[in-house]
Amino acid sequence: MTPHWTAALGRINACAEAVTWAKAYPSLAEAWDACERADWMLWLLDRTCGVQGRTTHRALPAAAAMHDLATLVRTRHQAPPTLPEAP
């Protein structure tokens, strides 16, 4: 029997939470499409995109910075929560 694709995540030392979450998906592509954790996605890219120092690997800090900037912009432009009316 072929092991689930998430066995590869264990071999590259992914956190247990990510591996458990990913087991719900039949493929990496489907998990990637459903993932809302940019930190997990950046971590996986860092582990799998090639040799450190090469062009593909040097792009990761820029991707991480773009994620941080997008998060900052998104949180600053959200409407404040609505408080319940007093009884």
C-alpha atoms as a PDB file:
ATOM      1  CA  MET A   1       0.000   0.000   0.000  1.00  0.00           C
ATOM      2  CA  THR A   2       1.303   3.446  -0.923  1.00  0.00           C
ATOM      3  CA  PRO A   3       1.719   5.777   2.069  1.00  0.00           C
ATOM      4  CA  HIS A   4      -0.360   8.957   2.203  1.00  0.00           C
ATOM      5  CA  TRP A   5       1.402  11.915   0.593  1.00  0.00           C
ATOM      6  CA  THR A   6       1.681  13.565   4.015  1.00  0.00           C
ATOM      7  CA  ALA A   7       4.352  11.041   5.004  1.00  0.00           C
ATOM      8  CA  ALA A   8       6.720  13.281   3.035  1.00  0.00           C
ATOM      9  CA  LEU A   9       5.807  16.199   5.314  1.00  0.00           C
ATOM     10  CA  GLY A  10       6.979  14.158   8.285  1.00  0.00           C
ATOM     11  CA  ARG A  11      10.269  13.423   6.556  1.00  0.00           C
ATOM     12  CA  ILE A  12      10.991  17.155   6.214  1.00  0.00           C
ATOM     13  CA  ASN A  13       9.968  17.817   9.836  1.00  0.00           C
ATOM     14  CA  ALA A  14       6.667  19.617   9.305  1.00  0.00           C
ATOM     15  CA  CYS A  15       4.857  20.416  12.537  1.00  0.00           C
ATOM     16  CA  ALA A  16       2.356  17.842  13.776  1.00  0.00           C
ATOM     17  CA  GLU A  17      -0.518  20.314  13.440  1.00  0.00           C
ATOM     18  CA  ALA A  18       0.174  20.841   9.738  1.00  0.00           C
ATOM     19  CA  VAL A  19       0.550  17.128   9.039  1.00  0.00           C
ATOM     20  CA  THR A  20      -2.708  16.328  10.838  1.00  0.00           C
ATOM     21  CA  TRP A  21      -4.519  19.079   8.934  1.00  0.00           C
ATOM     22  CA  ALA A  22      -3.086  17.953   5.584  1.00  0.00           C
ATOM     23  CA  LYS A  23      -4.215  14.339   6.060  1.00  0.00           C
ATOM     24  CA  ALA A  24      -7.765  15.483   5.269  1.00  0.00           C
ATOM     25  CA  TYR A  25      -6.738  16.130   1.655  1.00  0.00           C
ATOM     26  CA  PRO A  26      -6.029  13.470  -0.970  1.00  0.00           C
ATOM     27  CA  SER A  27      -3.207  15.451  -2.596  1.00  0.00           C
ATOM     28  CA  LEU A  28      -0.729  18.226  -1.969  1.00  0.00           C
ATOM     29  CA  ALA A  29      -2.407  20.304  -4.693  1.00  0.00           C
ATOM     30  CA  GLU A  30      -5.784  20.122  -2.947  1.00  0.00           C
ATOM     31  CA  ALA A  31      -4.262  20.917   0.439  1.00  0.00           C
ATOM     32  CA  TRP A  32      -2.349  23.841  -1.065  1.00  0.00           C
ATOM     33  CA  ASP A  33      -5.535  25.264  -2.597  1.00  0.00           C
ATOM     34  CA  ALA A  34      -7.405  24.958   0.702  1.00  0.00           C
ATOM     35  CA  CYS A  35      -4.635  26.202   2.979  1.00  0.00           C
ATOM     36  CA  GLU A  36      -5.222  29.499   4.748  1.00  0.00           C
ATOM     37  CA  ARG A  37      -1.920  29.398   6.632  1.00  0.00           C
ATOM     38  CA  ALA A  38       0.591  31.412   4.639  1.00  0.00           C
ATOM     39  CA  ASP A  39       3.246  30.620   7.235  1.00  0.00           C
ATOM     40  CA  TRP A  40       2.867  26.901   6.494  1.00  0.00           C
ATOM     41  CA  MET A  41       3.007  27.561   2.764  1.00  0.00           C
ATOM     42  CA  LEU A  42       6.140  29.690   3.053  1.00  0.00           C
ATOM     43  CA  TRP A  43       7.744  27.063   5.291  1.00  0.00           C
ATOM     44  CA  LEU A  44       7.056  24.357   2.702  1.00  0.00           C
ATOM     45  CA  LEU A  45       8.451  26.506  -0.096  1.00  0.00           C
ATOM     46  CA  ASP A  46      11.558  27.162   1.968  1.00  0.00           C
ATOM     47  CA  ARG A  47      12.080  23.427   2.464  1.00  0.00           C
ATOM     48  CA  THR A  48      11.430  22.407  -1.133  1.00  0.00           C
ATOM     49  CA  CYS A  49      12.340  25.186  -3.558  1.00  0.00           C
ATOM     50  CA  GLY A  50      15.991  24.458  -4.012  1.00  0.00           C
ATOM     51  CA  VAL A  51      19.415  25.278  -2.728  1.00  0.00           C
ATOM     52  CA  GLN A  52      19.826  28.217  -0.373  1.00  0.00           C
ATOM     53  CA  GLY A  53      21.384  31.182  -2.147  1.00  0.00           C
ATOM     54  CA  ARG A  54      19.948  30.335  -5.542  1.00  0.00           C
ATOM     55  CA  THR A  55      17.475  32.692  -7.212  1.00  0.00           C
ATOM     56  CA  THR A  56      14.390  30.657  -6.332  1.00  0.00           C
ATOM     57  CA  HIS A  57      15.388  30.490  -2.682  1.00  0.00           C
ATOM     58  CA  ARG A  58      16.297  34.188  -2.436  1.00  0.00           C
ATOM     59  CA  ALA A  59      12.729  35.119  -3.446  1.00  0.00           C
ATOM     60  CA  LEU A  60      11.297  33.665  -0.234  1.00  0.00           C
ATOM     61  CA  PRO A  61      12.069  36.624   2.068  1.00  0.00           C
ATOM     62  CA  ALA A  62      10.258  38.886  -0.390  1.00  0.00           C
ATOM     63  CA  ALA A  63       7.274  36.539  -0.389  1.00  0.00           C
ATOM     64  CA  ALA A  64       7.257  36.520   3.408  1.00  0.00           C
ATOM     65  CA  ALA A  65       7.425  40.319   3.504  1.00  0.00           C
ATOM     66  CA  MET A  66       4.516  40.552   1.045  1.00  0.00           C
ATOM     67  CA  HIS A  67       2.496  38.222   3.285  1.00  0.00           C
ATOM     68  CA  ASP A  68       3.241  40.382   6.325  1.00  0.00           C
ATOM     69  CA  LEU A  69       2.306  43.550   4.447  1.00  0.00           C
ATOM     70  CA  ALA A  70      -0.928  42.034   3.127  1.00  0.00           C
ATOM     71  CA  THR A  71      -1.857  40.906   6.641  1.00  0.00           C
ATOM     72  CA  LEU A  72      -1.199  44.371   8.024  1.00  0.00           C
ATOM     73  CA  VAL A  73      -3.266  46.079   5.309  1.00  0.00           C
ATOM     74  CA  ARG A  74      -6.119  43.593   5.673  1.00  0.00           C
ATOM     75  CA  THR A  75      -6.342  43.984   9.455  1.00  0.00           C
ATOM     76  CA  ARG A  76      -6.241  47.771   9.291  1.00  0.00           C
ATOM     77  CA  HIS A  77      -9.046  47.943   6.728  1.00  0.00           C
ATOM     78  CA  GLN A  78     -11.463  45.604   8.427  1.00  0.00           C
ATOM     79  CA  ALA A  79     -14.531  47.120   9.990  1.00  0.00           C
ATOM     80  CA  PRO A  80     -14.471  47.006  13.763  1.00  0.00           C
ATOM     81  CA  PRO A  81     -16.585  44.279  15.340  1.00  0.00           C
ATOM     82  CA  THR A  82     -20.198  45.056  16.087  1.00  0.00           C
ATOM     83  CA  LEU A  83     -20.999  45.099  19.765  1.00  0.00           C
ATOM     84  CA  PRO A  84     -24.297  43.639  20.963  1.00  0.00           C
ATOM     85  CA  GLU A  85     -26.994  46.113  21.880  1.00  0.00           C
ATOM     86  CA  ALA A  86     -27.686  46.643  25.579  1.00  0.00           C
ATOM     87  CA  PRO A  87     -30.827  44.859  26.792  1.00  0.00           C
END
